[in-house]
């Protein structure tokens, strides 16, 4: 059932004229009244300028792209690729669409706010990039927003994000489990048996899936994981640096460090160097994603390449209706293991050489 201005007024216990003044911002309204009206708008999921005419019922030339952090190359690459594909016929400005990148900062509140704003603007398409929050209440709220968007004619594509069943959203999901497993199997194949793992934030699906792949590889080779070997942190360089120092403190005998992504891996490399350890002679390091700088690290990072640009471009084409959606509305994008100089065989049967104190030598 369509929510009307009168419904909002009844919920907020004000007149329809007051609701209109709050939403249009063209007349002073008491702060408490304004807050009550906006709360009612959110609770009822009211869309501004509802379907009072055929024009209002149509979608606009706007395309929303949701990212956690536009400064992170992982999201920047996908957002840029999506934007490169959103032109074409159908828009009212020379066939072009207006791309709006919404930076959520990884917070669930901002994600919901942007979805609401894009719904009110009747966006032609919405592309959500990266992992989802591991929170049942938030996931249900997002699913409700996505369902309303698709029912109103907005194409919704999830790029690098798990599927959202029964919402009408198309999912191009990354095989993070498979990539995590292959990466750890590579290190095990080199002879590593004591592997530290720097995971991302615990509340993200990407974190859980990559860690599950790592643990699957350990179990398949009969390696019992020590709880000391896993540290969670942010997806940034500083977190990688701090987590690596913590791993070395917990277990100085580690011969390899697997990082949640390449940015974290760079921080791990810096921490190892500052601790007087050589890569890969003393400790091997591996990342994930194959971000642009990974090949230029010294030594170059062993990593799993995710085709971020290709996936983003495909998401853009699907969102614009220029490419058919995958069968069943879901496609799995697989990564490729890239073996480079940051991984090598551990020294000796017990790992790297040690001094008399049991601490690693420089």
Protein backbone atom coordinates (compact mmCIF):
# COMPACT_ATOMS: atom_id res chain seq x y z
CA UNK A 1 0.00 0.00 0.00
CA UNK A 2 1.30 3.45 -0.94
CA UNK A 3 2.11 5.67 2.04
CA UNK A 4 0.60 9.16 1.72
CA UNK A 5 1.41 12.53 3.19
CA UNK A 6 -1.72 12.17 5.33
CA UNK A 7 -0.39 8.90 6.76
CA UNK A 8 2.80 10.66 7.83
CA UNK A 9 0.80 13.50 9.36
CA UNK A 10 -1.32 11.06 11.35
CA UNK A 11 1.74 9.19 12.62
CA UNK A 12 3.47 12.43 13.64
CA UNK A 13 0.24 13.92 15.03
CA UNK A 14 0.54 17.09 12.96
CA UNK A 15 -1.31 18.54 9.99
CA UNK A 16 -0.45 17.55 6.39
CA UNK A 17 0.59 21.17 5.84
CA UNK A 18 3.18 20.87 8.61
CA UNK A 19 4.57 17.68 7.04
CA UNK A 20 4.86 19.49 3.72
CA UNK A 21 6.67 22.41 5.36
CA UNK A 22 9.18 20.08 7.02
CA UNK A 23 9.88 18.14 3.84
CA UNK A 24 10.14 21.19 1.61
CA UNK A 25 12.12 23.22 4.14
CA UNK A 26 10.36 26.40 3.06
CA UNK A 27 8.79 27.43 6.37
CA UNK A 28 10.12 27.53 9.94
CA UNK A 29 8.99 24.58 12.09
CA UNK A 30 9.81 23.86 15.72
CA UNK A 31 12.75 21.46 16.12
CA UNK A 32 10.72 18.96 18.12
CA UNK A 33 7.97 18.95 15.50
CA UNK A 34 10.48 18.56 12.68
CA UNK A 35 12.10 15.61 14.46
CA UNK A 36 8.73 13.95 14.97
CA UNK A 37 7.82 14.35 11.31
CA UNK A 38 11.14 12.97 10.05
CA UNK A 39 10.84 10.01 12.42
CA UNK A 40 7.39 9.26 10.98
CA UNK A 41 8.78 9.55 7.43
CA UNK A 42 11.46 6.97 8.22
CA UNK A 43 9.12 4.61 10.07
CA UNK A 44 6.59 4.62 7.23
CA UNK A 45 9.29 4.66 4.52
CA UNK A 46 7.49 7.56 2.88
CA UNK A 47 8.82 8.57 -0.53
CA UNK A 48 8.85 12.32 -1.15
CA UNK A 49 6.57 13.48 -3.93
CA UNK A 50 4.87 10.06 -4.05
CA UNK A 51 3.13 8.63 -7.13
CA UNK A 52 0.75 11.53 -7.65
CA UNK A 53 1.58 11.64 -11.35
CA UNK A 54 3.12 9.53 -14.08
CA UNK A 55 6.26 11.63 -13.88
CA UNK A 56 6.68 10.98 -10.17
CA UNK A 57 6.19 7.26 -10.78
CA UNK A 58 9.09 7.14 -13.22
CA UNK A 59 12.71 6.66 -12.22
CA UNK A 60 15.20 9.50 -12.50
CA UNK A 61 18.59 9.80 -14.17
CA UNK A 62 20.33 9.15 -10.85
CA UNK A 63 22.49 6.09 -10.12
CA UNK A 64 23.65 5.53 -6.56
CA UNK A 65 26.89 3.66 -5.80
CA UNK A 66 27.38 2.69 -2.15
CA UNK A 67 30.93 2.16 -0.88
CA UNK A 68 32.45 1.73 2.58
CA UNK A 69 35.43 3.99 1.93
CA UNK A 70 36.06 5.73 -1.39
CA UNK A 71 39.70 6.28 -0.38
CA UNK A 72 40.20 2.50 -0.29
CA UNK A 73 41.30 1.30 -3.77
CA UNK A 74 39.10 -1.80 -3.37
CA UNK A 75 35.99 0.40 -3.45
CA UNK A 76 37.39 3.16 -5.65
CA UNK A 77 38.17 0.73 -8.47
CA UNK A 78 34.69 -0.77 -8.42
CA UNK A 79 32.95 2.61 -8.16
CA UNK A 80 34.93 3.98 -11.09
CA UNK A 81 34.15 0.93 -13.20
CA UNK A 82 30.43 1.17 -12.41
CA UNK A 83 30.39 4.84 -13.38
CA UNK A 84 32.12 4.12 -16.70
CA UNK A 85 29.16 1.95 -17.73
CA UNK A 86 26.15 4.01 -16.69
CA UNK A 87 25.83 6.20 -19.78
CA UNK A 88 23.58 5.32 -22.66
CA UNK A 89 20.05 5.95 -23.94
CA UNK A 90 17.18 6.63 -21.61
CA UNK A 91 18.48 9.63 -19.69
CA UNK A 92 17.15 13.11 -20.19
CA UNK A 93 20.59 14.77 -20.34
CA UNK A 94 22.03 13.58 -23.61
CA UNK A 95 21.69 9.92 -22.66
CA UNK A 96 23.90 10.27 -19.59
CA UNK A 97 23.17 9.33 -15.99
CA UNK A 98 24.28 11.11 -12.86
CA UNK A 99 26.39 8.85 -10.63
CA UNK A 100 26.36 9.63 -6.92
CA UNK A 101 28.96 7.83 -4.80
CA UNK A 102 27.66 7.36 -1.26
CA UNK A 103 30.46 6.85 1.27
CA UNK A 104 28.97 4.96 4.24
CA UNK A 105 32.14 4.78 6.34
CA UNK A 106 31.15 1.19 7.07
CA UNK A 107 28.35 2.28 9.41
CA UNK A 108 24.93 0.57 9.14
CA UNK A 109 23.08 3.82 9.86
CA UNK A 110 24.63 5.62 6.91
CA UNK A 111 23.95 2.67 4.62
CA UNK A 112 20.24 2.76 5.46
CA UNK A 113 20.14 6.55 5.19
CA UNK A 114 21.62 6.53 1.69
CA UNK A 115 19.24 3.79 0.54
CA UNK A 116 16.33 5.86 1.83
CA UNK A 117 17.57 9.01 0.07
CA UNK A 118 18.08 7.13 -3.20
CA UNK A 119 14.57 5.69 -2.90
CA UNK A 120 13.16 9.19 -2.42
CA UNK A 121 15.05 10.38 -5.50
CA UNK A 122 13.63 7.43 -7.48
CA UNK A 123 17.11 6.37 -8.58
CA UNK A 124 17.28 4.49 -11.86
CA UNK A 125 19.75 2.05 -10.30
CA UNK A 126 21.62 1.38 -7.07
CA UNK A 127 24.87 -0.60 -6.84
CA UNK A 128 26.06 -1.73 -3.40
CA UNK A 129 29.72 -2.76 -3.25
CA UNK A 130 31.70 -4.86 -0.80
CA UNK A 131 30.69 -7.08 2.09
CA UNK A 132 27.56 -6.81 4.20
CA UNK A 133 27.16 -6.31 7.93
CA UNK A 134 26.78 -9.49 10.02
CA UNK A 135 23.76 -8.24 11.95
CA UNK A 136 20.33 -9.79 11.59
CA UNK A 137 18.36 -6.64 12.39
CA UNK A 138 20.38 -4.52 9.97
CA UNK A 139 20.24 -7.16 7.24
CA UNK A 140 16.45 -7.26 7.55
CA UNK A 141 16.25 -3.47 7.33
CA UNK A 142 18.48 -3.40 4.24
CA UNK A 143 16.45 -6.18 2.61
CA UNK A 144 13.27 -4.17 3.17
CA UNK A 145 14.86 -1.11 1.56
CA UNK A 146 16.11 -3.11 -1.42
CA UNK A 147 12.69 -4.69 -1.88
CA UNK A 148 11.01 -1.27 -1.94
CA UNK A 149 13.56 0.00 -4.44
CA UNK A 150 13.09 -2.86 -6.88
CA UNK A 151 9.30 -2.75 -6.53
CA UNK A 152 9.44 0.93 -7.52
CA UNK A 153 11.41 0.10 -10.67
CA UNK A 154 14.96 0.73 -9.47
CA UNK A 155 17.51 -1.85 -10.62
CA UNK A 156 19.61 -3.01 -7.67
CA UNK A 157 22.94 -4.80 -8.09
CA UNK A 158 25.14 -6.16 -5.30
CA UNK A 159 28.78 -6.17 -6.38
CA UNK A 160 31.14 -8.23 -4.23
CA UNK A 161 28.34 -8.68 -1.73
CA UNK A 162 26.38 -11.80 -0.68
CA UNK A 163 22.95 -12.29 -2.27
CA UNK A 164 19.85 -10.74 -0.68
CA UNK A 165 17.09 -13.30 -1.32
CA UNK A 166 13.55 -12.19 -2.12
CA UNK A 167 14.50 -8.55 -2.74
CA UNK A 168 14.82 -8.55 -6.52
CA UNK A 169 18.48 -7.51 -6.27
CA UNK A 170 21.06 -9.05 -8.63
CA UNK A 171 24.22 -10.36 -6.90
CA UNK A 172 27.72 -10.57 -8.36
CA UNK A 173 29.37 -12.16 -5.36
CA UNK A 174 33.10 -12.74 -4.83
CA UNK A 175 34.38 -16.22 -3.98
CA UNK A 176 36.18 -15.07 -0.85
CA UNK A 177 36.11 -18.53 0.74
CA UNK A 178 37.70 -20.16 -2.29
CA UNK A 179 40.37 -17.48 -2.57
CA UNK A 180 41.20 -17.69 1.13
CA UNK A 181 41.51 -21.45 0.94
CA UNK A 182 43.76 -21.39 -2.13
CA UNK A 183 46.04 -18.76 -0.61
CA UNK A 184 46.60 -20.75 2.59
CA UNK A 185 47.03 -23.98 0.66
CA UNK A 186 49.83 -22.31 -1.29
CA UNK A 187 51.66 -21.46 1.94
CA UNK A 188 51.08 -24.91 3.38
CA UNK A 189 52.46 -26.38 0.17
CA UNK A 190 55.66 -24.41 0.77
CA UNK A 191 56.01 -26.09 4.15
CA UNK A 192 54.44 -23.54 6.51
CA UNK A 193 52.63 -25.00 9.51
CA UNK A 194 52.48 -22.00 11.85
CA UNK A 195 50.49 -19.32 10.07
CA UNK A 196 49.26 -16.12 11.67
CA UNK A 197 46.08 -14.62 10.24
CA UNK A 198 45.09 -10.93 10.34
CA UNK A 199 41.33 -10.85 9.81
CA UNK A 200 39.19 -7.82 9.10
CA UNK A 201 36.36 -6.47 11.28
CA UNK A 202 34.35 -9.32 12.80
CA UNK A 203 31.01 -7.84 11.71
CA UNK A 204 31.72 -8.04 7.94
CA UNK A 205 30.76 -10.96 5.69
CA UNK A 206 33.99 -10.59 3.71
CA UNK A 207 35.99 -11.12 6.91
CA UNK A 208 34.12 -14.29 7.84
CA UNK A 209 34.25 -15.82 4.37
CA UNK A 210 38.00 -15.27 3.88
CA UNK A 211 38.75 -16.58 7.36
CA UNK A 212 36.56 -19.63 6.73
CA UNK A 213 38.55 -20.38 3.57
CA UNK A 214 41.82 -20.11 5.52
CA UNK A 215 40.56 -22.45 8.24
CA UNK A 216 39.24 -24.94 5.70
CA UNK A 217 42.73 -25.21 4.22
CA UNK A 218 44.30 -25.73 7.66
CA UNK A 219 41.81 -28.46 8.54
CA UNK A 220 42.25 -30.20 5.19
CA UNK A 221 45.96 -30.56 5.91
CA UNK A 222 45.52 -31.66 9.50
CA UNK A 223 46.87 -28.42 10.99
CA UNK A 224 45.28 -27.59 14.31
CA UNK A 225 44.77 -23.84 14.52
CA UNK A 226 46.08 -22.15 17.63
CA UNK A 227 43.67 -19.43 18.89
CA UNK A 228 46.68 -17.13 19.25
CA UNK A 229 47.20 -17.14 15.49
CA UNK A 230 44.18 -14.98 14.56
CA UNK A 231 43.82 -11.24 15.23
CA UNK A 232 40.94 -9.05 14.02
CA UNK A 233 41.35 -5.42 12.99
CA UNK A 234 40.34 -2.78 10.48
CA UNK A 235 41.04 -3.10 6.77
CA UNK A 236 43.91 -0.59 6.85
CA UNK A 237 47.70 -0.45 7.04
CA UNK A 238 47.92 0.60 10.68
CA UNK A 239 45.74 -2.31 11.74
CA UNK A 240 48.02 -4.67 9.83
CA UNK A 241 51.09 -3.21 11.53
CA UNK A 242 49.64 -3.48 15.03
CA UNK A 243 48.17 -6.94 14.47
CA UNK A 244 51.49 -8.31 13.23
CA UNK A 245 53.31 -7.09 16.33
CA UNK A 246 50.60 -8.74 18.42
CA UNK A 247 50.97 -12.01 16.51
CA UNK A 248 54.75 -11.99 17.05
CA UNK A 249 54.22 -11.31 20.73
CA UNK A 250 51.78 -14.19 21.02
CA UNK A 251 53.85 -16.69 19.03
CA UNK A 252 57.36 -15.74 17.84
CA UNK A 253 57.64 -19.05 15.97
CA UNK A 254 55.17 -18.07 13.21
CA UNK A 255 56.66 -18.51 9.76
CA UNK A 256 53.91 -16.86 7.70
CA UNK A 257 51.34 -14.09 8.04
CA UNK A 258 48.16 -14.11 5.95
CA UNK A 259 46.47 -10.70 5.76
CA UNK A 260 42.79 -9.96 5.15
CA UNK A 261 43.70 -7.68 2.23
CA UNK A 262 46.72 -6.11 0.54
CA UNK A 263 46.55 -2.89 2.55
CA UNK A 264 46.71 -4.88 5.78
CA UNK A 265 49.55 -6.93 4.28
CA UNK A 266 51.59 -3.75 3.70
CA UNK A 267 51.25 -2.93 7.39
CA UNK A 268 52.34 -6.48 8.24
CA UNK A 269 55.44 -6.12 6.06
CA UNK A 270 56.38 -2.86 7.77
CA UNK A 271 55.98 -4.41 11.23
CA UNK A 272 58.15 -7.38 10.28
CA UNK A 273 60.88 -5.11 8.90
CA UNK A 274 60.80 -2.95 12.02
CA UNK A 275 61.15 -6.15 14.08
CA UNK A 276 64.33 -7.04 12.19
CA UNK A 277 62.75 -9.82 10.14
CA UNK A 278 63.20 -10.43 6.42
CA UNK A 279 60.46 -11.22 3.93
CA UNK A 280 60.19 -14.03 2.92
CA UNK A 281 63.46 -15.38 4.41
CA UNK A 282 62.19 -15.20 7.99
CA UNK A 283 58.45 -14.73 7.55
CA UNK A 284 56.30 -15.06 4.43
CA UNK A 285 53.43 -12.61 3.85
CA UNK A 286 50.32 -12.94 1.71
CA UNK A 287 47.50 -10.49 0.98
CA UNK A 288 44.18 -10.49 -0.88
CA UNK A 289 42.57 -8.45 -3.71
CA UNK A 290 45.68 -7.59 -5.84
CA UNK A 291 45.29 -3.86 -5.36
CA UNK A 292 47.42 -1.72 -7.74
CA UNK A 293 50.33 -1.25 -5.30
CA UNK A 294 50.73 -4.96 -4.47
CA UNK A 295 53.02 -5.63 -7.44
CA UNK A 296 55.24 -2.68 -6.46
CA UNK A 297 55.68 -3.69 -2.83
CA UNK A 298 59.17 -4.91 -1.92
CA UNK A 299 59.02 -7.83 -2.25
CA UNK A 300 55.91 -7.96 -4.42
CA UNK A 301 52.92 -9.41 -2.59
CA UNK A 302 51.65 -12.91 -3.08
CA UNK A 303 47.89 -12.33 -3.22
CA UNK A 304 44.55 -13.36 -4.68
CA UNK A 305 43.48 -11.17 -7.58
CA UNK A 306 39.84 -10.20 -7.58
CA UNK A 307 38.72 -8.72 -10.93
CA UNK A 308 37.38 -5.57 -9.26
CA UNK A 309 37.23 -3.41 -12.37
CA UNK A 310 35.64 -6.16 -14.44
CA UNK A 311 33.06 -6.92 -11.75
CA UNK A 312 32.24 -3.24 -11.31
CA UNK A 313 31.83 -2.73 -15.04
CA UNK A 314 29.54 -5.73 -15.29
CA UNK A 315 27.50 -4.46 -12.35
CA UNK A 316 27.12 -1.13 -14.17
CA UNK A 317 25.94 -2.80 -17.37
CA UNK A 318 23.44 -4.99 -15.53
CA UNK A 319 22.20 -1.98 -13.57
CA UNK A 320 21.61 -0.12 -16.83
CA UNK A 321 19.92 -3.09 -18.48
CA UNK A 322 22.64 -3.37 -21.12
CA UNK A 323 23.64 -6.86 -20.00
CA UNK A 324 21.33 -9.67 -18.98
CA UNK A 325 21.25 -10.58 -15.34
CA UNK A 326 22.90 -13.93 -14.54
CA UNK A 327 20.74 -17.02 -14.30
CA UNK A 328 18.94 -17.10 -10.99
CA UNK A 329 20.04 -13.52 -10.30
CA UNK A 330 23.38 -14.63 -8.84
CA UNK A 331 26.87 -14.99 -10.33
CA UNK A 332 30.05 -15.96 -8.49
CA UNK A 333 33.21 -14.02 -9.38
CA UNK A 334 36.30 -16.11 -8.67
CA UNK A 335 39.77 -14.88 -7.80
CA UNK A 336 43.19 -15.90 -9.12
CA UNK A 337 46.18 -16.80 -6.95
CA UNK A 338 49.23 -14.70 -7.83
CA UNK A 339 52.47 -16.07 -6.39
CA UNK A 340 55.12 -13.38 -5.93
CA UNK A 341 58.21 -12.69 -3.90
CA UNK A 342 56.65 -12.20 -0.46
CA UNK A 343 56.10 -15.94 0.04
CA UNK A 344 58.75 -18.63 0.24
CA UNK A 345 59.71 -21.82 2.04
CA UNK A 346 60.26 -21.62 5.80
CA UNK A 347 63.82 -22.08 7.02
CA UNK A 348 64.51 -25.45 8.56
CA UNK A 349 62.04 -27.81 10.19
CA UNK A 350 61.15 -25.36 12.97
CA UNK A 351 60.82 -22.23 10.86
CA UNK A 352 63.18 -19.26 10.94
CA UNK A 353 66.52 -19.25 12.81
CA UNK A 354 66.45 -18.14 16.44
CA UNK A 355 68.73 -16.62 19.00
CA UNK A 356 69.32 -18.01 22.48
CA UNK A 357 66.37 -16.03 23.85
CA UNK A 358 63.92 -17.71 21.47
CA UNK A 359 63.17 -14.39 19.76
CA UNK A 360 63.78 -14.11 16.02
CA UNK A 361 67.10 -12.74 14.88
CA UNK A 362 67.38 -9.61 12.77
